């Protein structure tokens, strides 16, 4: 398994300001949720979880596109 498979990014104003990579999905999902709680209150914040082994496919995004 690729050590940097799952990538979580916090962006503000369209620019990445914090990133992390994890080897397993469960850990990356916990980090994604934690970042929402810790940093989601910033104006214009966007947090994404992607699978780098699958071409950077977005697995989760906050806020949801439907909002």
N, C-alpha and C. Protein backbone atom coordinates (compact mmCIF):
# COMPACT_ATOMS: atom_id res chain seq x y z
N UNK A 1 0.84 -1.18 0.00
CA UNK A 1 0.00 0.00 0.00
C UNK A 1 0.89 1.25 0.00
N UNK A 2 0.52 2.22 -0.79
CA UNK A 2 1.26 3.47 -0.87
C UNK A 2 1.13 4.22 0.45
N UNK A 3 2.24 4.67 1.01
CA UNK A 3 2.21 5.37 2.29
C UNK A 3 1.48 6.70 2.22
N UNK A 4 1.34 7.26 1.03
CA UNK A 4 0.68 8.55 0.89
C UNK A 4 -0.61 8.43 0.08
N UNK A 5 -1.34 7.37 0.25
CA UNK A 5 -2.51 7.13 -0.59
C UNK A 5 -3.65 8.13 -0.34
N UNK A 6 -4.00 8.38 0.92
CA UNK A 6 -5.16 9.21 1.22
C UNK A 6 -4.70 10.60 1.66
N UNK A 7 -5.20 11.61 0.99
CA UNK A 7 -4.73 12.98 1.12
C UNK A 7 -5.88 13.87 1.60
N UNK A 8 -5.66 14.60 2.70
CA UNK A 8 -6.64 15.55 3.21
C UNK A 8 -6.05 16.94 3.04
N UNK A 9 -6.86 17.85 2.48
CA UNK A 9 -6.41 19.21 2.22
C UNK A 9 -7.40 20.21 2.81
N UNK A 10 -6.88 21.20 3.50
CA UNK A 10 -7.67 22.34 3.94
C UNK A 10 -7.28 23.50 3.05
N UNK A 11 -8.26 24.07 2.36
CA UNK A 11 -8.04 25.21 1.49
C UNK A 11 -8.80 26.41 2.01
N UNK A 12 -8.23 27.57 1.78
CA UNK A 12 -8.89 28.83 2.13
C UNK A 12 -8.71 29.77 0.95
N UNK A 13 -9.80 30.27 0.43
CA UNK A 13 -9.72 31.15 -0.73
C UNK A 13 -9.16 30.45 -1.95
N UNK A 14 -9.37 29.13 -2.02
CA UNK A 14 -8.89 28.36 -3.15
C UNK A 14 -7.43 27.92 -3.07
N UNK A 15 -6.75 28.29 -1.99
CA UNK A 15 -5.33 27.93 -1.82
C UNK A 15 -5.18 26.91 -0.69
N UNK A 16 -4.41 25.86 -0.92
CA UNK A 16 -4.19 24.90 0.16
C UNK A 16 -3.34 25.54 1.26
N UNK A 17 -3.81 25.40 2.51
CA UNK A 17 -3.04 25.96 3.63
C UNK A 17 -2.59 24.88 4.61
N UNK A 18 -3.16 23.68 4.49
CA UNK A 18 -2.75 22.58 5.35
C UNK A 18 -3.06 21.27 4.62
N UNK A 19 -2.12 20.33 4.68
CA UNK A 19 -2.30 19.05 4.01
C UNK A 19 -1.74 17.93 4.87
N UNK A 20 -2.28 16.74 4.66
CA UNK A 20 -1.76 15.55 5.33
C UNK A 20 -2.04 14.32 4.49
N UNK A 21 -1.20 13.31 4.62
CA UNK A 21 -1.34 12.05 3.89
C UNK A 21 -1.32 10.90 4.88
N UNK A 22 -2.18 9.92 4.64
CA UNK A 22 -2.25 8.75 5.52
C UNK A 22 -2.35 7.47 4.70
N UNK A 23 -1.84 6.37 5.25
CA UNK A 23 -1.82 5.11 4.50
C UNK A 23 -3.15 4.38 4.45
N UNK A 24 -4.04 4.66 5.39
CA UNK A 24 -5.30 3.92 5.40
C UNK A 24 -6.50 4.88 5.46
N UNK A 25 -7.59 4.46 4.89
CA UNK A 25 -8.79 5.28 4.76
C UNK A 25 -9.39 5.64 6.11
N UNK A 26 -9.44 4.71 7.05
CA UNK A 26 -10.06 4.99 8.35
C UNK A 26 -9.37 6.15 9.06
N UNK A 27 -8.06 6.18 9.04
CA UNK A 27 -7.32 7.27 9.67
C UNK A 27 -7.58 8.58 8.95
N UNK A 28 -7.54 8.54 7.63
CA UNK A 28 -7.78 9.75 6.84
C UNK A 28 -9.19 10.29 7.08
N UNK A 29 -10.17 9.42 7.20
CA UNK A 29 -11.54 9.86 7.48
C UNK A 29 -11.65 10.51 8.86
N UNK A 30 -10.93 9.97 9.84
CA UNK A 30 -10.93 10.58 11.18
C UNK A 30 -10.29 11.97 11.13
N UNK A 31 -9.20 12.10 10.39
CA UNK A 31 -8.54 13.39 10.26
C UNK A 31 -9.43 14.39 9.53
N UNK A 32 -10.10 13.94 8.47
CA UNK A 32 -11.03 14.78 7.72
C UNK A 32 -12.09 15.34 8.67
N UNK A 33 -12.71 14.48 9.47
CA UNK A 33 -13.75 14.91 10.42
C UNK A 33 -13.17 15.85 11.48
N UNK A 34 -11.98 15.54 11.97
CA UNK A 34 -11.35 16.38 12.99
C UNK A 34 -11.05 17.77 12.44
N UNK A 35 -10.57 17.83 11.21
CA UNK A 35 -10.26 19.14 10.61
C UNK A 35 -11.52 19.97 10.43
N UNK A 36 -12.64 19.33 10.12
CA UNK A 36 -13.90 20.07 10.02
C UNK A 36 -14.21 20.72 11.37
N UNK A 37 -14.10 19.93 12.44
CA UNK A 37 -14.37 20.46 13.77
C UNK A 37 -13.38 21.52 14.22
N UNK A 38 -12.13 21.35 13.87
CA UNK A 38 -11.08 22.27 14.32
C UNK A 38 -10.97 23.52 13.45
N UNK A 39 -11.18 23.37 12.14
CA UNK A 39 -10.87 24.46 11.23
C UNK A 39 -12.00 24.85 10.28
N UNK A 40 -13.12 24.14 10.38
CA UNK A 40 -14.22 24.38 9.45
C UNK A 40 -14.94 25.69 9.64
N UNK A 41 -14.70 26.37 10.75
CA UNK A 41 -15.36 27.64 11.01
C UNK A 41 -14.77 28.82 10.26
N UNK A 42 -13.65 28.62 9.62
CA UNK A 42 -13.02 29.72 8.86
C UNK A 42 -13.88 30.07 7.66
N UNK A 43 -13.99 31.34 7.39
CA UNK A 43 -14.71 31.77 6.19
C UNK A 43 -14.02 31.19 4.97
N UNK A 44 -14.78 30.67 4.05
CA UNK A 44 -14.30 30.17 2.77
C UNK A 44 -13.41 28.92 2.91
N UNK A 45 -13.53 28.21 4.05
CA UNK A 45 -12.76 26.98 4.23
C UNK A 45 -13.36 25.85 3.40
N UNK A 46 -12.49 25.01 2.87
CA UNK A 46 -12.91 23.82 2.13
C UNK A 46 -11.96 22.70 2.51
N UNK A 47 -12.51 21.54 2.84
CA UNK A 47 -11.70 20.39 3.24
C UNK A 47 -12.07 19.24 2.33
N UNK A 48 -11.05 18.60 1.77
CA UNK A 48 -11.29 17.47 0.87
C UNK A 48 -10.44 16.28 1.29
N UNK A 49 -10.99 15.10 1.02
CA UNK A 49 -10.30 13.82 1.21
C UNK A 49 -10.24 13.17 -0.15
N UNK A 50 -9.04 12.90 -0.64
CA UNK A 50 -8.88 12.29 -1.95
C UNK A 50 -8.09 10.99 -1.86
N UNK A 51 -8.32 10.13 -2.85
CA UNK A 51 -7.59 8.88 -2.98
C UNK A 51 -6.56 9.07 -4.08
N UNK A 52 -5.32 9.25 -3.71
CA UNK A 52 -4.26 9.53 -4.67
C UNK A 52 -3.95 8.33 -5.55
N UNK A 53 -4.25 7.12 -5.08
CA UNK A 53 -4.01 5.92 -5.88
C UNK A 53 -5.08 5.75 -6.96
N UNK A 54 -6.14 6.53 -6.86
CA UNK A 54 -7.23 6.48 -7.83
C UNK A 54 -7.30 7.80 -8.61
N UNK A 55 -6.15 8.35 -8.94
CA UNK A 55 -6.09 9.56 -9.75
C UNK A 55 -6.53 10.82 -9.04
N UNK A 56 -6.52 10.83 -7.72
CA UNK A 56 -6.93 12.01 -6.96
C UNK A 56 -8.43 12.16 -6.84
N UNK A 57 -9.14 11.04 -6.95
CA UNK A 57 -10.60 11.07 -6.84
C UNK A 57 -11.03 11.58 -5.47
N UNK A 58 -11.96 12.54 -5.46
CA UNK A 58 -12.47 13.10 -4.21
C UNK A 58 -13.43 12.10 -3.58
N UNK A 59 -13.10 11.70 -2.35
CA UNK A 59 -13.96 10.78 -1.61
C UNK A 59 -14.96 11.53 -0.75
N UNK A 60 -14.51 12.65 -0.16
CA UNK A 60 -15.37 13.47 0.68
C UNK A 60 -14.96 14.92 0.52
N UNK A 61 -15.93 15.81 0.64
CA UNK A 61 -15.65 17.24 0.59
C UNK A 61 -16.55 17.95 1.59
N UNK A 62 -16.00 18.97 2.21
CA UNK A 62 -16.76 19.81 3.14
C UNK A 62 -16.49 21.25 2.81
N UNK A 63 -17.45 22.13 2.73
CA UNK A 63 -18.85 21.79 2.80
C UNK A 63 -19.28 21.01 1.56
N UNK A 64 -20.42 20.34 1.68
CA UNK A 64 -20.95 19.59 0.56
C UNK A 64 -21.21 20.52 -0.60
N UNK A 65 -21.05 20.01 -1.82
CA UNK A 65 -21.32 20.79 -3.01
C UNK A 65 -22.77 21.25 -3.08
N UNK A 66 -23.67 20.51 -2.44
CA UNK A 66 -25.10 20.82 -2.50
C UNK A 66 -25.50 22.00 -1.62
N UNK A 67 -24.60 22.45 -0.76
CA UNK A 67 -24.97 23.54 0.15
C UNK A 67 -24.87 24.88 -0.53
